[in-house]
Protein backbone atom coordinates (compact mmCIF):
# COMPACT_ATOMS: atom_id res chain seq x y z
CA MET A 1 19.56 52.56 -118.51
CA LYS A 2 21.31 50.41 -115.90
CA ALA A 3 20.75 53.04 -113.20
CA GLN A 4 17.07 53.25 -114.09
CA PHE A 5 16.77 49.46 -113.94
CA CYS A 6 18.44 49.39 -110.55
CA ARG A 7 16.03 52.00 -109.21
CA LEU A 8 13.09 49.92 -110.44
CA LEU A 9 14.37 47.01 -108.35
CA VAL A 10 14.48 48.93 -105.07
CA CYS A 11 12.33 47.13 -102.47
CA ILE A 12 11.38 44.29 -104.87
CA PRO A 13 11.80 40.98 -103.02
CA ILE A 14 15.02 39.24 -103.96
CA CYS A 15 13.11 36.23 -105.31
CA ALA A 16 11.50 38.53 -107.87
CA VAL A 17 14.90 39.96 -108.75
CA LEU A 18 16.27 36.48 -109.37
CA SER A 19 13.29 35.67 -111.58
CA LEU A 20 13.83 38.85 -113.58
CA VAL A 21 17.31 37.74 -114.51
CA GLY A 22 16.17 34.40 -115.83
CA CYS A 23 16.29 31.96 -112.95
CA ALA A 24 13.22 29.74 -113.22
CA SER A 25 14.11 27.78 -110.10
CA LEU A 26 15.81 29.24 -107.05
CA SER A 27 17.04 25.89 -105.79
CA LEU A 28 20.81 25.61 -106.07
CA PRO A 29 21.98 22.07 -106.78
CA ALA A 30 25.65 21.56 -106.05
CA GLY A 31 27.85 22.53 -108.96
CA VAL A 32 25.10 24.19 -110.99
CA ALA A 33 25.68 27.84 -111.83
CA LEU A 34 22.76 30.25 -111.94
CA PRO A 35 22.17 32.17 -115.18
CA PHE A 36 22.70 35.69 -113.90
CA GLY A 37 25.05 36.83 -116.64
CA ASP A 38 28.64 37.96 -116.29
CA ILE A 39 30.37 40.13 -113.76
CA GLU A 40 29.88 43.29 -115.78
CA GLN A 41 26.10 43.12 -115.48
CA GLU A 42 25.35 43.47 -111.81
CA ILE A 43 21.76 43.29 -110.67
CA VAL A 44 21.05 45.50 -107.67
CA ALA A 45 18.14 45.39 -105.27
CA SER A 46 17.55 46.96 -101.88
CA PHE A 47 15.61 46.18 -98.77
CA SER A 48 14.27 49.25 -97.03
CA ASP A 49 13.53 49.70 -93.35
CA ASP A 50 12.70 53.16 -92.06
CA GLY A 51 14.68 54.75 -94.87
CA VAL A 52 17.79 52.58 -94.33
CA HIS A 53 18.81 50.84 -97.56
CA PHE A 54 21.24 47.99 -98.09
CA PRO A 55 22.21 47.30 -101.73
CA LEU A 56 22.12 43.63 -102.65
CA VAL A 57 24.37 43.15 -105.66
CA ILE A 58 24.00 39.90 -107.60
CA ASN A 59 27.21 39.33 -109.55
CA ASP A 60 29.65 36.51 -110.22
CA GLU A 61 31.24 36.78 -106.78
CA VAL A 62 27.86 36.49 -105.04
CA ILE A 63 26.74 33.64 -107.30
CA GLU A 64 29.91 31.74 -106.41
CA GLU A 65 29.09 32.12 -102.71
CA LEU A 66 25.48 31.04 -103.29
CA GLU A 67 26.71 27.89 -104.99
CA ALA A 68 29.16 27.23 -102.14
CA LEU A 69 26.37 27.59 -99.57
CA SER A 70 24.17 25.24 -101.59
CA ARG A 71 26.65 22.50 -100.74
CA SER A 72 26.06 22.96 -97.00
CA PRO A 73 22.33 22.26 -96.48
CA TYR A 74 22.83 20.96 -92.93
CA SER A 75 24.54 24.20 -91.88
CA ILE A 76 21.87 26.32 -93.55
CA LYS A 77 19.14 24.45 -91.66
CA LYS A 78 21.03 24.91 -88.39
CA TRP A 79 21.53 28.64 -88.96
CA LEU A 80 17.94 29.08 -90.05
CA SER A 81 16.80 27.51 -86.78
CA ARG A 82 19.12 29.70 -84.71
CA SER A 83 18.01 32.77 -86.63
CA GLN A 84 14.45 32.22 -85.39
CA ARG A 85 15.77 32.62 -81.85
CA TYR A 86 18.19 35.53 -82.19
CA VAL A 87 17.24 37.58 -85.27
CA PRO A 88 14.07 39.22 -83.87
CA MET A 89 16.03 40.81 -81.01
CA MET A 90 18.95 41.71 -83.25
CA ARG A 91 16.69 43.37 -85.83
CA GLY A 92 15.28 45.62 -83.13
CA VAL A 93 18.76 46.71 -82.05
CA PHE A 94 19.89 47.39 -85.63
CA ARG A 95 16.72 49.36 -86.32
CA GLU A 96 17.39 51.50 -83.26
CA TYR A 97 20.90 52.36 -84.47
CA GLY A 98 19.96 52.99 -88.10
CA VAL A 99 21.67 49.91 -89.53
CA PRO A 100 20.02 47.82 -92.28
CA GLU A 101 18.28 44.96 -90.53
CA GLU A 102 19.46 42.34 -93.02
CA LEU A 103 22.98 42.80 -91.69
CA VAL A 104 22.04 40.78 -88.61
CA TYR A 105 23.07 37.80 -90.75
CA VAL A 106 26.68 38.96 -90.48
CA ALA A 107 26.53 37.07 -87.17
CA ILE A 108 26.09 33.81 -89.10
CA ILE A 109 29.25 34.42 -91.12
CA GLU A 110 31.11 35.47 -87.98
CA SER A 111 30.01 32.77 -85.53
CA GLY A 112 26.84 30.96 -86.57
CA PHE A 113 25.09 32.87 -83.74
CA ASP A 114 27.33 31.07 -81.23
CA ALA A 115 28.18 33.07 -78.10
CA ASP A 116 31.00 30.64 -77.26
CA ALA A 117 32.72 30.88 -80.65
CA VAL A 118 36.39 31.89 -80.42
CA SER A 119 38.69 32.43 -83.39
CA VAL A 120 42.42 31.78 -83.68
CA LYS A 121 42.88 35.53 -83.19
CA ASP A 122 40.88 35.39 -79.92
CA ALA A 123 37.84 37.09 -81.46
CA GLY A 124 34.84 36.04 -79.42
CA GLY A 125 31.08 36.04 -79.14
CA PRO A 126 28.39 36.05 -81.81
CA TRP A 127 29.88 39.16 -83.45
CA GLN A 128 33.53 38.06 -83.07
CA PHE A 129 35.14 41.14 -81.56
CA ILE A 130 38.83 40.87 -80.76
CA PRO A 131 39.59 41.94 -77.17
CA SER A 132 41.35 45.19 -78.07
CA THR A 133 38.49 46.41 -80.26
CA ALA A 134 35.88 45.32 -77.72
CA ARG A 135 37.58 47.18 -74.89
CA LYS A 136 38.10 50.26 -77.04
CA MET A 137 34.36 50.31 -77.69
CA GLY A 138 33.56 50.01 -74.00
CA MET A 139 32.86 46.32 -73.51
CA ARG A 140 33.92 44.68 -70.29
CA ILE A 141 36.26 41.70 -70.65
CA ASP A 142 37.90 40.23 -67.56
CA GLU A 143 37.84 37.12 -65.39
CA TRP A 144 34.22 37.73 -64.35
CA VAL A 145 32.48 39.13 -67.42
CA ASP A 146 32.95 38.93 -71.17
CA GLU A 147 30.33 41.19 -72.73
CA ARG A 148 31.20 39.91 -76.19
CA LYS A 149 29.12 36.85 -75.22
CA ASP A 150 26.08 38.94 -74.29
CA TYR A 151 23.74 38.66 -77.29
CA GLU A 152 22.03 42.00 -76.74
CA LYS A 153 25.05 44.08 -75.74
CA SER A 154 27.33 42.64 -78.40
CA THR A 155 24.66 43.27 -81.04
CA MET A 156 24.43 46.88 -79.87
CA TYR A 157 28.19 47.29 -80.24
CA ALA A 158 28.14 45.56 -83.63
CA ALA A 159 25.48 48.03 -84.78
CA LYS A 160 27.59 50.93 -83.53
CA TYR A 161 30.69 49.53 -85.25
CA LEU A 162 28.92 49.05 -88.58
CA ARG A 163 27.38 52.50 -88.32
CA TYR A 164 30.81 53.98 -87.61
CA PHE A 165 32.24 52.48 -90.80
CA TYR A 166 29.23 53.59 -92.83
CA ASN A 167 29.58 57.14 -91.49
CA THR A 168 33.27 56.96 -92.44
CA PHE A 169 32.94 55.55 -95.97
CA ASP A 170 29.30 56.39 -96.87
CA ASP A 171 28.93 52.91 -98.37
CA TRP A 172 27.44 49.82 -96.72
CA HIS A 173 29.61 47.42 -98.73
CA LEU A 174 32.76 49.20 -97.56
CA ALA A 175 31.32 49.34 -94.04
CA LEU A 176 31.06 45.53 -94.07
CA ALA A 177 34.61 45.20 -95.36
CA GLY A 178 35.75 47.56 -92.62
CA TYR A 179 33.96 45.47 -89.99
CA ASN A 180 35.90 42.47 -91.25
CA CYS A 181 39.41 43.85 -91.67
CA GLY A 182 39.39 47.31 -90.06
CA GLY A 183 39.40 50.75 -91.60
CA ALA A 184 43.07 50.97 -92.60
CA PRO A 185 42.92 48.62 -95.64
CA ILE A 186 39.82 50.41 -96.92
CA ARG A 187 41.46 53.82 -96.58
CA SER A 188 44.55 52.51 -98.40
CA ALA A 189 42.39 51.18 -101.24
CA ILE A 190 40.55 54.50 -101.54
CA LYS A 191 43.87 56.35 -101.59
CA ALA A 192 45.19 54.07 -104.33
CA CYS A 193 42.24 54.03 -106.71
CA GLY A 194 39.72 56.56 -105.44
CA ASN A 195 36.34 55.83 -103.91
CA VAL A 196 35.25 53.55 -106.76
CA GLY A 197 33.36 51.11 -104.54
CA LEU A 198 34.20 47.72 -103.14
CA TRP A 199 33.65 45.70 -106.31
CA GLU A 200 35.97 47.80 -108.46
CA MET A 201 38.56 47.88 -105.67
CA GLY A 202 38.51 44.10 -105.66
CA ARG A 203 38.90 43.88 -109.41
CA GLN A 204 41.89 46.17 -109.22
CA GLY A 205 43.45 44.01 -106.54
CA ARG A 206 43.30 46.75 -103.93
CA LEU A 207 41.56 44.63 -101.27
CA SER A 208 42.81 41.47 -99.62
CA PHE A 209 41.23 38.18 -100.57
CA GLN A 210 39.68 38.03 -97.10
CA ALA A 211 38.06 41.46 -97.33
CA GLY A 212 37.07 41.00 -100.96
CA GLY A 213 35.31 37.69 -100.30
CA TYR A 214 33.60 38.71 -97.08
CA VAL A 215 30.92 40.97 -98.57
CA PRO A 216 29.67 38.61 -101.32
CA ARG A 217 29.50 35.84 -98.71
CA ILE A 218 27.28 38.01 -96.53
CA ILE A 219 25.07 39.03 -99.46
CA ALA A 220 24.63 35.38 -100.41
CA MET A 221 23.66 34.56 -96.83
CA ILE A 222 21.15 37.42 -96.77
CA VAL A 223 19.57 36.21 -100.01
CA ILE A 224 19.08 32.70 -98.62
CA MET A 225 18.03 33.61 -95.08
CA GLU A 226 15.49 36.19 -96.26
CA ASN A 227 14.00 33.74 -98.79
CA PRO A 228 14.54 30.24 -97.37
CA GLU A 229 11.48 28.66 -98.98
CA ASP A 230 12.70 29.75 -102.42
CA PHE A 231 15.84 27.72 -101.80
CA GLY A 232 13.99 24.66 -100.55
CA TYR A 233 14.30 25.23 -96.80
CA ALA A 234 11.37 25.13 -94.39
CA VAL A 235 11.26 27.82 -91.71
CA PRO A 236 11.21 26.12 -88.27
CA ASP A 237 8.06 26.87 -86.31
CA ASP A 238 9.15 25.31 -83.03
CA VAL A 239 11.90 27.78 -82.05
CA GLN A 240 11.00 30.51 -79.59
CA PRO A 241 12.56 33.98 -80.02
CA LEU A 242 15.01 35.08 -77.35
CA THR A 243 13.03 37.08 -74.80
CA TYR A 244 13.64 37.94 -71.17
CA ASP A 245 12.98 40.36 -68.35
CA LYS A 246 15.72 42.27 -66.51
CA VAL A 247 16.25 42.79 -62.81
CA TYR A 248 18.95 44.56 -60.83
CA VAL A 249 20.78 42.38 -58.32
CA PRO A 250 23.78 42.96 -56.07
CA GLY A 251 27.21 41.97 -57.27
CA GLY A 252 28.78 38.76 -56.06
CA LEU A 253 25.64 36.61 -56.16
CA SER A 254 25.74 33.15 -57.70
CA LEU A 255 23.31 32.22 -60.44
CA SER A 256 22.29 29.18 -58.40
CA PHE A 257 21.26 31.47 -55.54
CA MET A 258 19.38 33.76 -57.93
CA ALA A 259 17.65 30.73 -59.45
CA GLU A 260 16.26 29.89 -56.01
CA VAL A 261 15.07 33.47 -55.54
CA LEU A 262 13.45 33.52 -58.98
CA GLU A 263 12.12 29.96 -58.68
CA VAL A 264 13.69 28.95 -61.99
CA LYS A 265 16.43 26.53 -63.05
CA THR A 266 20.04 27.68 -62.86
CA SER A 267 20.54 26.55 -66.45
CA ALA A 268 17.89 29.04 -67.58
CA LEU A 269 19.90 31.91 -66.10
CA GLU A 270 23.13 30.55 -67.57
CA ARG A 271 21.60 30.51 -71.06
CA LEU A 272 20.33 34.06 -70.71
CA ASN A 273 23.58 35.42 -69.23
CA PRO A 274 26.45 33.72 -71.10
CA GLU A 275 28.68 36.73 -70.40
CA LEU A 276 28.98 35.71 -66.72
CA LEU A 277 32.09 33.54 -66.86
CA LYS A 278 32.03 32.22 -63.30
CA GLY A 279 28.33 31.66 -62.81
CA MET A 280 27.90 34.72 -60.63
CA THR A 281 27.44 38.45 -60.89
CA PRO A 282 30.78 40.31 -60.72
CA PRO A 283 31.72 41.09 -57.11
CA ASP A 284 33.22 44.49 -57.96
CA VAL A 285 29.89 46.15 -58.84
CA GLU A 286 27.17 47.21 -56.46
CA LEU A 287 24.40 46.23 -58.85
CA TYR A 288 24.27 44.10 -61.97
CA GLU A 289 21.49 43.94 -64.54
CA LEU A 290 20.57 40.27 -64.84
CA LYS A 291 18.45 38.78 -67.61
CA VAL A 292 15.76 36.48 -66.24
CA PRO A 293 13.01 34.35 -67.83
CA VAL A 294 9.93 36.25 -68.91
CA GLY A 295 7.38 36.27 -66.10
CA SER A 296 9.86 35.73 -63.27
CA LYS A 297 10.35 39.41 -62.48
CA PRO A 298 7.26 39.57 -60.19
CA VAL A 299 8.61 36.54 -58.31
CA TYR A 300 11.89 38.36 -57.82
CA LEU A 301 10.12 41.46 -56.55
CA LYS A 302 8.17 39.31 -54.10
CA ASN A 303 11.14 37.32 -52.82
CA PHE A 304 14.08 39.70 -52.86
CA THR A 305 13.44 41.26 -49.43
CA ASP A 306 13.94 37.95 -47.66
CA ALA A 307 16.69 36.91 -50.04
CA TYR A 308 18.72 40.06 -49.35
CA SER A 309 18.25 40.08 -45.59
CA GLY A 310 21.18 41.98 -44.12
CA ARG A 311 21.91 43.79 -47.40
CA GLU A 312 19.78 46.85 -46.70
CA GLU A 313 21.74 49.27 -48.86
CA SER A 314 21.84 46.94 -51.84
CA LEU A 315 18.16 46.16 -51.35
CA GLU A 316 17.28 49.85 -51.42
CA ARG A 317 19.34 50.50 -54.54
CA ALA A 318 17.93 47.43 -56.30
CA GLY A 319 14.41 48.60 -55.49
CA GLU A 320 15.20 52.02 -56.96
CA ARG A 321 16.55 50.45 -60.14
CA MET A 322 13.42 48.34 -60.54
CA GLN A 323 11.38 51.53 -60.92
CA GLY A 324 13.10 52.34 -64.23
CA ARG A 325 16.19 51.70 -66.26
CA PRO A 326 18.67 54.61 -66.09
CA ASP A 327 20.25 55.60 -69.37
CA ASP A 328 23.72 55.06 -67.97
CA PHE A 329 23.06 51.53 -66.76
CA MET A 330 23.48 48.96 -69.52
């Protein structure tokens, strides 16, 4: 019966799921528990995008996180505003890599969508990769560039990392736990008690407190961010999604110089390229793909000949790149 009920809930909006389990109001006053029932009666729903399903389990652990989040309305409003800027781009990347789109909200738990966030373990960027993991995955981190700060590239690597753990464990909950604490603790838990799923592993004490609490926190965040009005939050309508064009420029050029070429403010380029640590393209590459404000690409194409006077080879290569984006040039 429970399995049949769960299947009936697939693709039903989470607000309807909450109503089905007896919650007349979805607002969460501080200290008030929602009447979902006990931990043994989990309610499961799924979002579905192009055949990719993420199971949203509503149980005592998730309810506890919902109640905790209800005590931080200022933070929720801030994250909701930032989500309007970054989530549209991130959803597109996750869709491309076959990762449930709702998992873009992992970036809130990790960093609050902050490219400059750094943890005590030196994890950095919106997706909080530690340097060793980032380099292993192919990200550049040095004195010139920290690709963990690049919203698009770091999201691509986050999607790959989540997909890797899902391919390993065949379970999105365990994939999230793996993203948080690495694969070794998950493998140890499976070895100790079998592949019984994250929730049972937690009840048996086979997962650390950190790993065990991470997934319900993310689920709670997904529930709120996907249904903000149901929780009393207005969706901001004055935040523009992150969009940009891309141009290929020689290495070793300052963003202030490029701002003159593009006829834009230097600060606009700095916001779009937070991975450039010294305000210039790295000098050890012939060409660098620079993100520029939408609409400024034609200005660049018009001005770059004069701007690159004396750089004939770089000019020729940049012109070739502008004709199309090679697969090997990220």
